Each structure stands twice: as C-alpha cells, then as structure tokens.
Amino acid sequence: TFNQDVKIYLGDERENPVNLTCHDWISNSPP
C-alpha cells in the first residue's frame, strides 16, 4: 500500500467546495 498515494476528492457532491491546505502537500521538505 505504500505506493498507493491517498487522493483528495474534488467535485464530489458530499463536499463541494473543497478546502486544500499546505498541511497535505507532498513535498521534499516538511510542509
């Protein structure tokens, strides 16, 4: 499962709009 990156849904009727924050960035350094 380590290569199965979690995805954040966009355009789902249960949560629209979606708020993204840098807390959930994938990056080379801690966000």
PDB file of all heavy atoms in Angstrom:
ATOM      1  N   THR A   1       0.815  -1.226   0.000  1.00  0.00           N
ATOM      2  CA  THR A   1       0.000   0.000   0.000  1.00  0.00           C
ATOM      3  C   THR A   1       0.843   1.269   0.000  1.00  0.00           C
ATOM      4  O   THR A   1       0.299   2.363  -0.180  1.00  0.00           O
ATOM      5  CB  THR A   1      -0.926   0.033   1.233  1.00  0.00           C
ATOM      6  OG1 THR A   1      -0.118   0.145   2.430  1.00  0.00           O
ATOM      7  CG2 THR A   1      -1.764  -1.234   1.320  1.00  0.00           C
ATOM      8  N   PHE A   2       2.158   1.144   0.195  1.00  0.00           N
ATOM      9  CA  PHE A   2       2.982   2.344   0.340  1.00  0.00           C
ATOM     10  C   PHE A   2       3.003   3.200  -0.926  1.00  0.00           C
ATOM     11  O   PHE A   2       3.245   4.406  -0.856  1.00  0.00           O
ATOM     12  CB  PHE A   2       4.414   1.974   0.731  1.00  0.00           C
ATOM     13  CG  PHE A   2       4.535   1.315   2.081  1.00  0.00           C
ATOM     14  CD1 PHE A   2       5.684   0.641   2.442  1.00  0.00           C
ATOM     15  CD2 PHE A   2       3.495   1.372   2.989  1.00  0.00           C
ATOM     16  CE1 PHE A   2       5.793   0.030   3.685  1.00  0.00           C
ATOM     17  CE2 PHE A   2       3.588   0.764   4.229  1.00  0.00           C
ATOM     18  CZ  PHE A   2       4.742   0.091   4.577  1.00  0.00           C
ATOM     19  N   ASN A   3       2.799   2.580  -2.071  1.00  0.00           N
ATOM     20  CA  ASN A   3       2.801   3.330  -3.330  1.00  0.00           C
ATOM     21  C   ASN A   3       1.405   3.774  -3.752  1.00  0.00           C
ATOM     22  O   ASN A   3       1.237   4.324  -4.842  1.00  0.00           O
ATOM     23  CB  ASN A   3       3.441   2.500  -4.438  1.00  0.00           C
ATOM     24  CG  ASN A   3       4.927   2.285  -4.214  1.00  0.00           C
ATOM     25  OD1 ASN A   3       5.637   3.201  -3.784  1.00  0.00           O
ATOM     26  ND2 ASN A   3       5.410   1.081  -4.473  1.00  0.00           N
ATOM     27  N   GLN A   4       0.407   3.512  -2.906  1.00  0.00           N
ATOM     28  CA  GLN A   4      -0.959   3.922  -3.214  1.00  0.00           C
ATOM     29  C   GLN A   4      -1.237   5.257  -2.526  1.00  0.00           C
ATOM     30  O   GLN A   4      -1.806   5.324  -1.443  1.00  0.00           O
ATOM     31  CB  GLN A   4      -1.947   2.850  -2.751  1.00  0.00           C
ATOM     32  CG  GLN A   4      -1.747   1.509  -3.431  1.00  0.00           C
ATOM     33  CD  GLN A   4      -2.624   0.412  -2.822  1.00  0.00           C
ATOM     34  OE1 GLN A   4      -3.562   0.701  -2.076  1.00  0.00           O
ATOM     35  NE2 GLN A   4      -2.316  -0.839  -3.146  1.00  0.00           N
ATOM     36  N   ASP A   5      -0.791   6.326  -3.170  1.00  0.00           N
ATOM     37  CA  ASP A   5      -0.930   7.647  -2.563  1.00  0.00           C
ATOM     38  C   ASP A   5      -2.400   8.000  -2.360  1.00  0.00           C
ATOM     39  O   ASP A   5      -3.244   7.791  -3.238  1.00  0.00           O
ATOM     40  CB  ASP A   5      -0.272   8.717  -3.442  1.00  0.00           C
ATOM     41  CG  ASP A   5       1.239   8.567  -3.492  1.00  0.00           C
ATOM     42  OD1 ASP A   5       1.796   8.083  -2.492  1.00  0.00           O
ATOM     43  OD2 ASP A   5       1.848   8.929  -4.504  1.00  0.00           O
ATOM     44  N   VAL A   6      -2.700   8.556  -1.212  1.00  0.00           N
ATOM     45  CA  VAL A   6      -4.059   8.993  -0.918  1.00  0.00           C
ATOM     46  C   VAL A   6      -4.404  10.195  -1.792  1.00  0.00           C
ATOM     47  O   VAL A   6      -3.598  11.106  -1.973  1.00  0.00           O
ATOM     48  CB  VAL A   6      -4.183   9.360   0.574  1.00  0.00           C
ATOM     49  CG1 VAL A   6      -5.545   9.970   0.866  1.00  0.00           C
ATOM     50  CG2 VAL A   6      -3.963   8.124   1.430  1.00  0.00           C
ATOM     51  N   LYS A   7      -5.598  10.194  -2.332  1.00  0.00           N
ATOM     52  CA  LYS A   7      -6.068  11.293  -3.176  1.00  0.00           C
ATOM     53  C   LYS A   7      -7.165  12.062  -2.442  1.00  0.00           C
ATOM     54  O   LYS A   7      -7.967  11.497  -1.717  1.00  0.00           O
ATOM     55  CB  LYS A   7      -6.643  10.756  -4.488  1.00  0.00           C
ATOM     56  CG  LYS A   7      -5.751   9.806  -5.270  1.00  0.00           C
ATOM     57  CD  LYS A   7      -4.524  10.499  -5.816  1.00  0.00           C
ATOM     58  CE  LYS A   7      -3.770   9.648  -6.842  1.00  0.00           C
ATOM     59  NZ  LYS A   7      -3.361   8.321  -6.338  1.00  0.00           N
ATOM     60  N   ILE A   8      -7.200  13.369  -2.666  1.00  0.00           N
ATOM     61  CA  ILE A   8      -8.271  14.213  -2.143  1.00  0.00           C
ATOM     62  C   ILE A   8      -9.298  14.409  -3.253  1.00  0.00           C
ATOM     63  O   ILE A   8      -8.952  14.795  -4.369  1.00  0.00           O
ATOM     64  CB  ILE A   8      -7.713  15.566  -1.671  1.00  0.00           C
ATOM     65  CG1 ILE A   8      -6.698  15.350  -0.539  1.00  0.00           C
ATOM     66  CG2 ILE A   8      -8.835  16.488  -1.207  1.00  0.00           C
ATOM     67  CD1 ILE A   8      -5.973  16.612  -0.118  1.00  0.00           C
ATOM     68  N   TYR A   9     -10.550  14.118  -2.954  1.00  0.00           N
ATOM     69  CA  TYR A   9     -11.609  14.210  -3.963  1.00  0.00           C
ATOM     70  C   TYR A   9     -11.964  15.662  -4.257  1.00  0.00           C
ATOM     71  O   TYR A   9     -12.118  16.479  -3.347  1.00  0.00           O
ATOM     72  CB  TYR A   9     -12.874  13.514  -3.484  1.00  0.00           C
ATOM     73  CG  TYR A   9     -12.822  12.006  -3.457  1.00  0.00           C
ATOM     74  CD1 TYR A   9     -13.921  11.269  -3.025  1.00  0.00           C
ATOM     75  CD2 TYR A   9     -11.688  11.308  -3.860  1.00  0.00           C
ATOM     76  CE1 TYR A   9     -13.899   9.879  -2.988  1.00  0.00           C
ATOM     77  CE2 TYR A   9     -11.647   9.929  -3.830  1.00  0.00           C
ATOM     78  CZ  TYR A   9     -12.754   9.216  -3.397  1.00  0.00           C
ATOM     79  OH  TYR A   9     -12.738   7.847  -3.358  1.00  0.00           O
ATOM     80  N   LEU A  10     -12.142  15.967  -5.548  1.00  0.00           N
ATOM     81  CA  LEU A  10     -12.734  17.228  -5.988  1.00  0.00           C
ATOM     82  C   LEU A  10     -14.015  16.901  -6.747  1.00  0.00           C
ATOM     83  O   LEU A  10     -14.094  15.882  -7.443  1.00  0.00           O
ATOM     84  CB  LEU A  10     -11.786  18.005  -6.905  1.00  0.00           C
ATOM     85  CG  LEU A  10     -10.407  18.406  -6.384  1.00  0.00           C
ATOM     86  CD1 LEU A  10      -9.727  19.343  -7.373  1.00  0.00           C
ATOM     87  CD2 LEU A  10     -10.477  19.033  -5.014  1.00  0.00           C
ATOM     88  N   GLY A  11     -15.023  17.762  -6.617  1.00  0.00           N
ATOM     89  CA  GLY A  11     -16.242  17.578  -7.397  1.00  0.00           C
ATOM     90  C   GLY A  11     -17.151  16.481  -6.902  1.00  0.00           C
ATOM     91  O   GLY A  11     -17.958  15.948  -7.676  1.00  0.00           O
ATOM     92  N   ASP A  12     -17.061  16.135  -5.624  1.00  0.00           N
ATOM     93  CA  ASP A  12     -17.983  15.163  -5.049  1.00  0.00           C
ATOM     94  C   ASP A  12     -19.108  15.939  -4.369  1.00  0.00           C
ATOM     95  O   ASP A  12     -18.855  16.880  -3.618  1.00  0.00           O
ATOM     96  CB  ASP A  12     -17.261  14.280  -4.030  1.00  0.00           C
ATOM     97  CG  ASP A  12     -18.103  13.104  -3.567  1.00  0.00           C
ATOM     98  OD1 ASP A  12     -19.177  13.356  -2.977  1.00  0.00           O
ATOM     99  OD2 ASP A  12     -17.702  11.945  -3.790  1.00  0.00           O
ATOM    100  N   GLU A  13     -20.358  15.547  -4.625  1.00  0.00           N
ATOM    101  CA  GLU A  13     -21.497  16.304  -4.098  1.00  0.00           C
ATOM    102  C   GLU A  13     -21.529  16.352  -2.578  1.00  0.00           C
ATOM    103  O   GLU A  13     -22.152  17.228  -1.985  1.00  0.00           O
ATOM    104  CB  GLU A  13     -22.801  15.699  -4.619  1.00  0.00           C
ATOM    105  CG  GLU A  13     -23.039  14.267  -4.191  1.00  0.00           C
ATOM    106  CD  GLU A  13     -24.310  13.684  -4.775  1.00  0.00           C
ATOM    107  OE1 GLU A  13     -24.902  14.325  -5.666  1.00  0.00           O
ATOM    108  OE2 GLU A  13     -24.709  12.590  -4.347  1.00  0.00           O
ATOM    109  N   ARG A  14     -20.831  15.419  -1.923  1.00  0.00           N
ATOM    110  CA  ARG A  14     -20.842  15.402  -0.468  1.00  0.00           C
ATOM    111  C   ARG A  14     -19.921  16.456   0.137  1.00  0.00           C
ATOM    112  O   ARG A  14     -20.006  16.756   1.331  1.00  0.00           O
ATOM    113  CB  ARG A  14     -20.444  14.016   0.041  1.00  0.00           C
ATOM    114  CG  ARG A  14     -21.470  12.940  -0.261  1.00  0.00           C
ATOM    115  CD  ARG A  14     -20.927  11.562  -0.034  1.00  0.00           C
ATOM    116  NE  ARG A  14     -19.862  11.226  -0.972  1.00  0.00           N
ATOM    117  CZ  ARG A  14     -19.254  10.045  -1.044  1.00  0.00           C
ATOM    118  NH1 ARG A  14     -19.619   9.086  -0.207  1.00  0.00           N
ATOM    119  NH2 ARG A  14     -18.309   9.828  -1.920  1.00  0.00           N
ATOM    120  N   GLU A  15     -19.012  17.009  -0.669  1.00  0.00           N
ATOM    121  CA  GLU A  15     -18.143  18.090  -0.173  1.00  0.00           C
ATOM    122  C   GLU A  15     -17.709  18.944  -1.353  1.00  0.00           C
ATOM    123  O   GLU A  15     -16.753  18.626  -2.063  1.00  0.00           O
ATOM    124  CB  GLU A  15     -16.923  17.544   0.557  1.00  0.00           C
ATOM    125  CG  GLU A  15     -16.092  18.648   1.202  1.00  0.00           C
ATOM    126  CD  GLU A  15     -14.975  18.115   2.078  1.00  0.00           C
ATOM    127  OE1 GLU A  15     -14.787  16.890   2.138  1.00  0.00           O
ATOM    128  OE2 GLU A  15     -14.305  18.934   2.716  1.00  0.00           O
ATOM    129  N   ASN A  16     -18.426  20.017  -1.551  1.00  0.00           N
ATOM    130  CA  ASN A  16     -18.131  20.943  -2.638  1.00  0.00           C
ATOM    131  C   ASN A  16     -18.533  22.340  -2.170  1.00  0.00           C
ATOM    132  O   ASN A  16     -19.708  22.568  -1.877  1.00  0.00           O
ATOM    133  CB  ASN A  16     -18.914  20.558  -3.898  1.00  0.00           C
ATOM    134  CG  ASN A  16     -18.553  21.421  -5.091  1.00  0.00           C
ATOM    135  OD1 ASN A  16     -17.370  21.636  -5.369  1.00  0.00           O
ATOM    136  ND2 ASN A  16     -19.561  21.912  -5.795  1.00  0.00           N
ATOM    137  N   PRO A  17     -17.589  23.277  -2.025  1.00  0.00           N
ATOM    138  CA  PRO A  17     -16.183  23.209  -2.441  1.00  0.00           C
ATOM    139  C   PRO A  17     -15.316  22.409  -1.472  1.00  0.00           C
ATOM    140  O   PRO A  17     -15.761  22.035  -0.387  1.00  0.00           O
ATOM    141  CB  PRO A  17     -15.766  24.676  -2.447  1.00  0.00           C
ATOM    142  CG  PRO A  17     -16.636  25.304  -1.387  1.00  0.00           C
ATOM    143  CD  PRO A  17     -17.963  24.600  -1.497  1.00  0.00           C
ATOM    144  N   VAL A  18     -14.050  22.200  -1.902  1.00  0.00           N
ATOM    145  CA  VAL A  18     -13.057  21.502  -1.097  1.00  0.00           C
ATOM    146  C   VAL A  18     -11.967  22.487  -0.710  1.00  0.00           C
ATOM    147  O   VAL A  18     -11.463  23.241  -1.555  1.00  0.00           O
ATOM    148  CB  VAL A  18     -12.456  20.315  -1.875  1.00  0.00           C
ATOM    149  CG1 VAL A  18     -11.256  19.745  -1.129  1.00  0.00           C
ATOM    150  CG2 VAL A  18     -13.503  19.234  -2.082  1.00  0.00           C
ATOM    151  N   ASN A  19     -11.614  22.490   0.578  1.00  0.00           N
ATOM    152  CA  ASN A  19     -10.539  23.351   1.068  1.00  0.00           C
ATOM    153  C   ASN A  19      -9.248  22.542   1.161  1.00  0.00           C
ATOM    154  O   ASN A  19      -9.173  21.566   1.910  1.00  0.00           O
ATOM    155  CB  ASN A  19     -10.891  23.908   2.443  1.00  0.00           C
ATOM    156  CG  ASN A  19     -12.074  24.851   2.396  1.00  0.00           C
ATOM    157  OD1 ASN A  19     -11.957  25.992   1.934  1.00  0.00           O
ATOM    158  ND2 ASN A  19     -13.226  24.396   2.859  1.00  0.00           N
ATOM    159  N   LEU A  20      -8.248  22.947   0.408  1.00  0.00           N
ATOM    160  CA  LEU A  20      -6.927  22.317   0.454  1.00  0.00           C
ATOM    161  C   LEU A  20      -5.979  23.225   1.233  1.00  0.00           C
ATOM    162  O   LEU A  20      -6.017  24.451   1.069  1.00  0.00           O
ATOM    163  CB  LEU A  20      -6.372  22.107  -0.954  1.00  0.00           C
ATOM    164  CG  LEU A  20      -7.230  21.312  -1.939  1.00  0.00           C
ATOM    165  CD1 LEU A  20      -6.596  21.333  -3.325  1.00  0.00           C
ATOM    166  CD2 LEU A  20      -7.407  19.886  -1.470  1.00  0.00           C
ATOM    167  N   THR A  21      -5.148  22.633   2.078  1.00  0.00           N
ATOM    168  CA  THR A  21      -4.119  23.418   2.765  1.00  0.00           C
ATOM    169  C   THR A  21      -2.765  22.750   2.561  1.00  0.00           C
ATOM    170  O   THR A  21      -2.680  21.548   2.284  1.00  0.00           O
ATOM    171  CB  THR A  21      -4.386  23.537   4.279  1.00  0.00           C
ATOM    172  OG1 THR A  21      -4.033  22.306   4.918  1.00  0.00           O
ATOM    173  CG2 THR A  21      -5.846  23.869   4.565  1.00  0.00           C
ATOM    174  N   CYS A  22      -1.715  23.527   2.744  1.00  0.00           N
ATOM    175  CA  CYS A  22      -0.360  23.012   2.558  1.00  0.00           C
ATOM    176  C   CYS A  22      -0.010  21.930   3.573  1.00  0.00           C
ATOM    177  O   CYS A  22       0.989  21.222   3.417  1.00  0.00           O
ATOM    178  CB  CYS A  22       0.666  24.137   2.605  1.00  0.00           C
ATOM    179  SG  CYS A  22       0.614  25.101   4.142  1.00  0.00           S
ATOM    180  N   HIS A  23      -0.817  21.782   4.614  1.00  0.00           N
ATOM    181  CA  HIS A  23      -0.644  20.698   5.582  1.00  0.00           C
ATOM    182  C   HIS A  23      -0.590  19.348   4.868  1.00  0.00           C
ATOM    183  O   HIS A  23       0.089  18.420   5.326  1.00  0.00           O
ATOM    184  CB  HIS A  23      -1.819  20.749   6.564  1.00  0.00           C
ATOM    185  CG  HIS A  23      -1.704  19.847   7.750  1.00  0.00           C
ATOM    186  ND1 HIS A  23      -2.056  18.527   7.713  1.00  0.00           N
ATOM    187  CD2 HIS A  23      -1.292  20.088   9.021  1.00  0.00           C
ATOM    188  CE1 HIS A  23      -1.876  17.984   8.905  1.00  0.00           C
ATOM    189  NE2 HIS A  23      -1.408  18.905   9.719  1.00  0.00           N
ATOM    190  N   ASP A  24      -1.285  19.229   3.734  1.00  0.00           N
ATOM    191  CA  ASP A  24      -1.376  17.968   2.995  1.00  0.00           C
ATOM    192  C   ASP A  24      -0.532  17.943   1.731  1.00  0.00           C
ATOM    193  O   ASP A  24      -0.744  17.106   0.852  1.00  0.00           O
ATOM    194  CB  ASP A  24      -2.838  17.673   2.652  1.00  0.00           C
ATOM    195  CG  ASP A  24      -3.678  17.468   3.897  1.00  0.00           C
ATOM    196  OD1 ASP A  24      -3.239  16.725   4.781  1.00  0.00           O
ATOM    197  OD2 ASP A  24      -4.765  18.063   3.986  1.00  0.00           O
ATOM    198  N   TRP A  25       0.421  18.865   1.627  1.00  0.00           N
ATOM    199  CA  TRP A  25       1.341  18.820   0.498  1.00  0.00           C
ATOM    200  C   TRP A  25       2.161  17.527   0.483  1.00  0.00           C
ATOM    201  O   TRP A  25       2.547  17.005   1.535  1.00  0.00           O
ATOM    202  CB  TRP A  25       2.352  19.959   0.587  1.00  0.00           C
ATOM    203  CG  TRP A  25       1.921  21.255  -0.006  1.00  0.00           C
ATOM    204  CD1 TRP A  25       0.869  21.499  -0.828  1.00  0.00           C
ATOM    205  CD2 TRP A  25       2.572  22.520   0.193  1.00  0.00           C
ATOM    206  NE1 TRP A  25       0.804  22.836  -1.150  1.00  0.00           N
ATOM    207  CE2 TRP A  25       1.846  23.473  -0.548  1.00  0.00           C
ATOM    208  CE3 TRP A  25       3.681  22.928   0.920  1.00  0.00           C
ATOM    209  CZ2 TRP A  25       2.204  24.825  -0.581  1.00  0.00           C
ATOM    210  CZ3 TRP A  25       4.048  24.260   0.890  1.00  0.00           C
ATOM    211  CH2 TRP A  25       3.317  25.199   0.152  1.00  0.00           C
ATOM    212  N   ILE A  26       2.464  17.061  -0.696  1.00  0.00           N
ATOM    213  CA  ILE A  26       3.538  16.091  -0.894  1.00  0.00           C
ATOM    214  C   ILE A  26       4.748  16.906  -1.339  1.00  0.00           C
ATOM    215  O   ILE A  26       4.686  17.633  -2.330  1.00  0.00           O
ATOM    216  CB  ILE A  26       3.179  15.051  -1.977  1.00  0.00           C
ATOM    217  CG1 ILE A  26       1.834  14.392  -1.652  1.00  0.00           C
ATOM    218  CG2 ILE A  26       4.279  14.014  -2.104  1.00  0.00           C
ATOM    219  CD1 ILE A  26       1.811  13.597  -0.370  1.00  0.00           C
ATOM    220  N   SER A  27       5.836  16.824  -0.587  1.00  0.00           N
ATOM    221  CA  SER A  27       6.999  17.666  -0.893  1.00  0.00           C
ATOM    222  C   SER A  27       8.264  17.020  -0.358  1.00  0.00           C
ATOM    223  O   SER A  27       8.220  16.054   0.404  1.00  0.00           O
ATOM    224  CB  SER A  27       6.828  19.069  -0.296  1.00  0.00           C
ATOM    225  OG  SER A  27       6.766  18.998   1.112  1.00  0.00           O
ATOM    226  N   ASN A  28       9.390  17.575  -0.739  1.00  0.00           N
ATOM    227  CA  ASN A  28      10.687  17.057  -0.303  1.00  0.00           C
ATOM    228  C   ASN A  28      11.078  17.553   1.083  1.00  0.00           C
ATOM    229  O   ASN A  28      12.032  17.054   1.680  1.00  0.00           O
ATOM    230  CB  ASN A  28      11.767  17.445  -1.317  1.00  0.00           C
ATOM    231  CG  ASN A  28      11.596  16.728  -2.637  1.00  0.00           C
ATOM    232  OD1 ASN A  28      11.161  15.581  -2.675  1.00  0.00           O
ATOM    233  ND2 ASN A  28      11.912  17.406  -3.734  1.00  0.00           N
ATOM    234  N   SER A  29      10.373  18.548   1.583  1.00  0.00           N
ATOM    235  CA  SER A  29      10.649  19.071   2.920  1.00  0.00           C
ATOM    236  C   SER A  29       9.336  19.145   3.688  1.00  0.00           C
ATOM    237  O   SER A  29       8.265  19.197   3.084  1.00  0.00           O
ATOM    238  CB  SER A  29      11.296  20.459   2.831  1.00  0.00           C
ATOM    239  OG  SER A  29      10.478  21.349   2.096  1.00  0.00           O
ATOM    240  N   PRO A  30       9.396  19.138   5.022  1.00  0.00           N
ATOM    241  CA  PRO A  30       8.149  19.186   5.787  1.00  0.00           C
ATOM    242  C   PRO A  30       7.337  20.418   5.439  1.00  0.00           C
ATOM    243  O   PRO A  30       7.868  21.535   5.402  1.00  0.00           O
ATOM    244  CB  PRO A  30       8.645  19.240   7.236  1.00  0.00           C
ATOM    245  CG  PRO A  30      10.012  18.624   7.205  1.00  0.00           C
ATOM    246  CD  PRO A  30      10.591  19.028   5.883  1.00  0.00           C
ATOM    247  N   PRO A  31       6.042  20.252   5.176  1.00  0.00           N
ATOM    248  CA  PRO A  31       5.209  21.412   4.842  1.00  0.00           C
ATOM    249  C   PRO A  31       4.890  22.225   6.085  1.00  0.00           C
ATOM    250  O   PRO A  31       5.082  21.761   7.214  1.00  0.00           O
ATOM    251  CB  PRO A  31       3.937  20.765   4.282  1.00  0.00           C
ATOM    252  CG  PRO A  31       3.863  19.451   4.987  1.00  0.00           C
ATOM    253  CD  PRO A  31       5.280  18.995   5.166  1.00  0.00           C
TER     254      PRO A  31
END
